[in-house]
Amino acid sequence: MKFFQSLIQLSNCCDNRIEAFMKYRRELDIKHFARSSANQGNLFQLIAGMQAIKLDNSETEKCWQWERRQVKIFKISIKGLAFKTAVRFLL
């Protein structure tokens, strides 16, 4: 009987850990989706406004803005990869 009680407690502990992992993963997915969709919109604006960008001579500024957005997306992707590795190790 005591064995089954400890097995149930262990199961509940694992369930709580899995829930916490899933919550964190969902937050990472939401951040990644938001950054990617914003990046796609900005990229579309960049392509559509290419003439104005060239006339204003702001190619370098727009290039840096695009690069900063890519870095943010990359950082979220790295967090997701680290999270997957940690989950595989812990579970």
C-alpha atoms as a PDB file:
ATOM      1  CA  MET A   1       0.000   0.000   0.000  1.00  0.00           C
ATOM      2  CA  LYS A   2       2.799   2.403   0.891  1.00  0.00           C
ATOM      3  CA  PHE A   3       4.454   1.664  -2.454  1.00  0.00           C
ATOM      4  CA  PHE A   4       1.346   2.733  -4.351  1.00  0.00           C
ATOM      5  CA  GLN A   5       1.035   5.938  -2.313  1.00  0.00           C
ATOM      6  CA  SER A   6       4.623   6.905  -3.096  1.00  0.00           C
ATOM      7  CA  LEU A   7       4.044   6.004  -6.750  1.00  0.00           C
ATOM      8  CA  ILE A   8       1.005   8.312  -6.834  1.00  0.00           C
ATOM      9  CA  GLN A   9       3.007  11.120  -5.176  1.00  0.00           C
ATOM     10  CA  LEU A  10       5.786  10.672  -7.721  1.00  0.00           C
ATOM     11  CA  SER A  11       3.242  10.774 -10.518  1.00  0.00           C
ATOM     12  CA  ASN A  12       1.732  14.011  -9.162  1.00  0.00           C
ATOM     13  CA  CYS A  13       5.200  15.558  -8.895  1.00  0.00           C
ATOM     14  CA  CYS A  14       5.959  14.633 -12.513  1.00  0.00           C
ATOM     15  CA  ASP A  15       2.591  15.989 -13.629  1.00  0.00           C
ATOM     16  CA  ASN A  16       3.369  19.337 -11.986  1.00  0.00           C
ATOM     17  CA  ARG A  17       6.776  19.448 -13.649  1.00  0.00           C
ATOM     18  CA  ILE A  18       5.301  18.587 -17.037  1.00  0.00           C
ATOM     19  CA  GLU A  19       2.657  21.299 -16.606  1.00  0.00           C
ATOM     20  CA  ALA A  20       5.355  23.860 -15.795  1.00  0.00           C
ATOM     21  CA  PHE A  21       7.402  22.764 -18.820  1.00  0.00           C
ATOM     22  CA  MET A  22       4.385  22.984 -21.103  1.00  0.00           C
ATOM     23  CA  LYS A  23       3.530  26.467 -19.798  1.00  0.00           C
ATOM     24  CA  TYR A  24       7.073  27.708 -20.440  1.00  0.00           C
ATOM     25  CA  ARG A  25       7.092  26.110 -23.910  1.00  0.00           C
ATOM     26  CA  ARG A  26       3.763  27.777 -24.741  1.00  0.00           C
ATOM     27  CA  GLU A  27       5.188  31.171 -23.686  1.00  0.00           C
ATOM     28  CA  LEU A  28       8.237  30.623 -25.905  1.00  0.00           C
ATOM     29  CA  ASP A  29       6.016  29.624 -28.835  1.00  0.00           C
ATOM     30  CA  ILE A  30       3.860  32.725 -28.388  1.00  0.00           C
ATOM     31  CA  LYS A  31       6.930  34.988 -28.269  1.00  0.00           C
ATOM     32  CA  HIS A  32       8.426  33.314 -31.330  1.00  0.00           C
ATOM     33  CA  PHE A  33       5.178  33.587 -33.281  1.00  0.00           C
ATOM     34  CA  ALA A  34       4.737  37.261 -32.342  1.00  0.00           C
ATOM     35  CA  ARG A  35       8.315  38.153 -33.325  1.00  0.00           C
ATOM     36  CA  SER A  36       8.118  36.179 -36.566  1.00  0.00           C
ATOM     37  CA  SER A  37       4.818  37.705 -37.615  1.00  0.00           C
ATOM     38  CA  ALA A  38       6.062  41.215 -36.799  1.00  0.00           C
ATOM     39  CA  ASN A  39       9.214  40.493 -38.777  1.00  0.00           C
ATOM     40  CA  GLN A  40       7.186  39.301 -41.754  1.00  0.00           C
ATOM     41  CA  GLY A  41       5.085  42.478 -41.691  1.00  0.00           C
ATOM     42  CA  ASN A  42       8.171  44.676 -41.441  1.00  0.00           C
ATOM     43  CA  LEU A  43       9.866  42.779 -44.242  1.00  0.00           C
ATOM     44  CA  PHE A  44       6.824  43.314 -46.463  1.00  0.00           C
ATOM     45  CA  GLN A  45       6.885  47.051 -45.675  1.00  0.00           C
ATOM     46  CA  LEU A  46      10.603  47.136 -46.408  1.00  0.00           C
ATOM     47  CA  ILE A  47      10.145  45.555 -49.835  1.00  0.00           C
ATOM     48  CA  ALA A  48       7.063  47.636 -50.674  1.00  0.00           C
ATOM     49  CA  GLY A  49       8.797  50.878 -49.686  1.00  0.00           C
ATOM     50  CA  MET A  50      12.145  50.189 -51.374  1.00  0.00           C
ATOM     51  CA  GLN A  51      11.927  53.272 -53.611  1.00  0.00           C
ATOM     52  CA  ALA A  52      11.264  55.590 -50.665  1.00  0.00           C
ATOM     53  CA  ILE A  53      14.095  53.992 -48.699  1.00  0.00           C
ATOM     54  CA  LYS A  54      16.523  54.562 -51.556  1.00  0.00           C
ATOM     55  CA  LEU A  55      15.337  58.148 -52.038  1.00  0.00           C
ATOM     56  CA  ASP A  56      15.744  58.887 -48.312  1.00  0.00           C
ATOM     57  CA  ASN A  57      19.142  57.162 -48.348  1.00  0.00           C
ATOM     58  CA  SER A  58      18.180  55.057 -45.315  1.00  0.00           C
ATOM     59  CA  GLU A  59      19.282  51.618 -46.510  1.00  0.00           C
ATOM     60  CA  THR A  60      21.814  51.206 -43.701  1.00  0.00           C
ATOM     61  CA  GLU A  61      19.320  52.148 -40.993  1.00  0.00           C
ATOM     62  CA  LYS A  62      16.709  49.730 -42.342  1.00  0.00           C
ATOM     63  CA  CYS A  63      19.329  46.994 -42.622  1.00  0.00           C
ATOM     64  CA  TRP A  64      20.281  47.442 -38.960  1.00  0.00           C
ATOM     65  CA  GLN A  65      16.630  47.387 -37.908  1.00  0.00           C
ATOM     66  CA  TRP A  66      16.129  44.131 -39.799  1.00  0.00           C
ATOM     67  CA  GLU A  67      19.258  42.643 -38.225  1.00  0.00           C
ATOM     68  CA  ARG A  68      18.102  43.551 -34.697  1.00  0.00           C
ATOM     69  CA  ARG A  69      14.774  41.828 -35.341  1.00  0.00           C
ATOM     70  CA  GLN A  70      16.579  38.722 -36.597  1.00  0.00           C
ATOM     71  CA  VAL A  71      18.741  38.644 -33.464  1.00  0.00           C
ATOM     72  CA  LYS A  72      15.633  38.741 -31.246  1.00  0.00           C
ATOM     73  CA  ILE A  73      14.086  35.840 -33.172  1.00  0.00           C
ATOM     74  CA  PHE A  74      17.357  33.917 -32.967  1.00  0.00           C
ATOM     75  CA  LYS A  75      17.555  34.396 -29.179  1.00  0.00           C
ATOM     76  CA  ILE A  76      14.040  33.007 -28.747  1.00  0.00           C
ATOM     77  CA  SER A  77      14.942  30.045 -30.958  1.00  0.00           C
ATOM     78  CA  ILE A  78      18.043  29.354 -28.845  1.00  0.00           C
ATOM     79  CA  LYS A  79      15.923  29.440 -25.670  1.00  0.00           C
ATOM     80  CA  GLY A  80      13.555  26.921 -27.274  1.00  0.00           C
ATOM     81  CA  LEU A  81      16.433  24.650 -28.215  1.00  0.00           C
ATOM     82  CA  ALA A  82      17.924  24.856 -24.709  1.00  0.00           C
ATOM     83  CA  PHE A  83      14.508  24.102 -23.272  1.00  0.00           C
ATOM     84  CA  LYS A  84      14.073  21.010 -25.457  1.00  0.00           C
ATOM     85  CA  THR A  85      17.499  19.765 -24.391  1.00  0.00           C
ATOM     86  CA  ALA A  86      16.720  20.324 -20.712  1.00  0.00           C
ATOM     87  CA  VAL A  87      13.384  18.526 -20.962  1.00  0.00           C
ATOM     88  CA  ARG A  88      14.989  15.526 -22.641  1.00  0.00           C
ATOM     89  CA  PHE A  89      17.627  15.426 -19.922  1.00  0.00           C
ATOM     90  CA  LEU A  90      15.199  15.800 -17.009  1.00  0.00           C
ATOM     91  CA  LEU A  91      12.440  13.524 -18.236  1.00  0.00           C
END
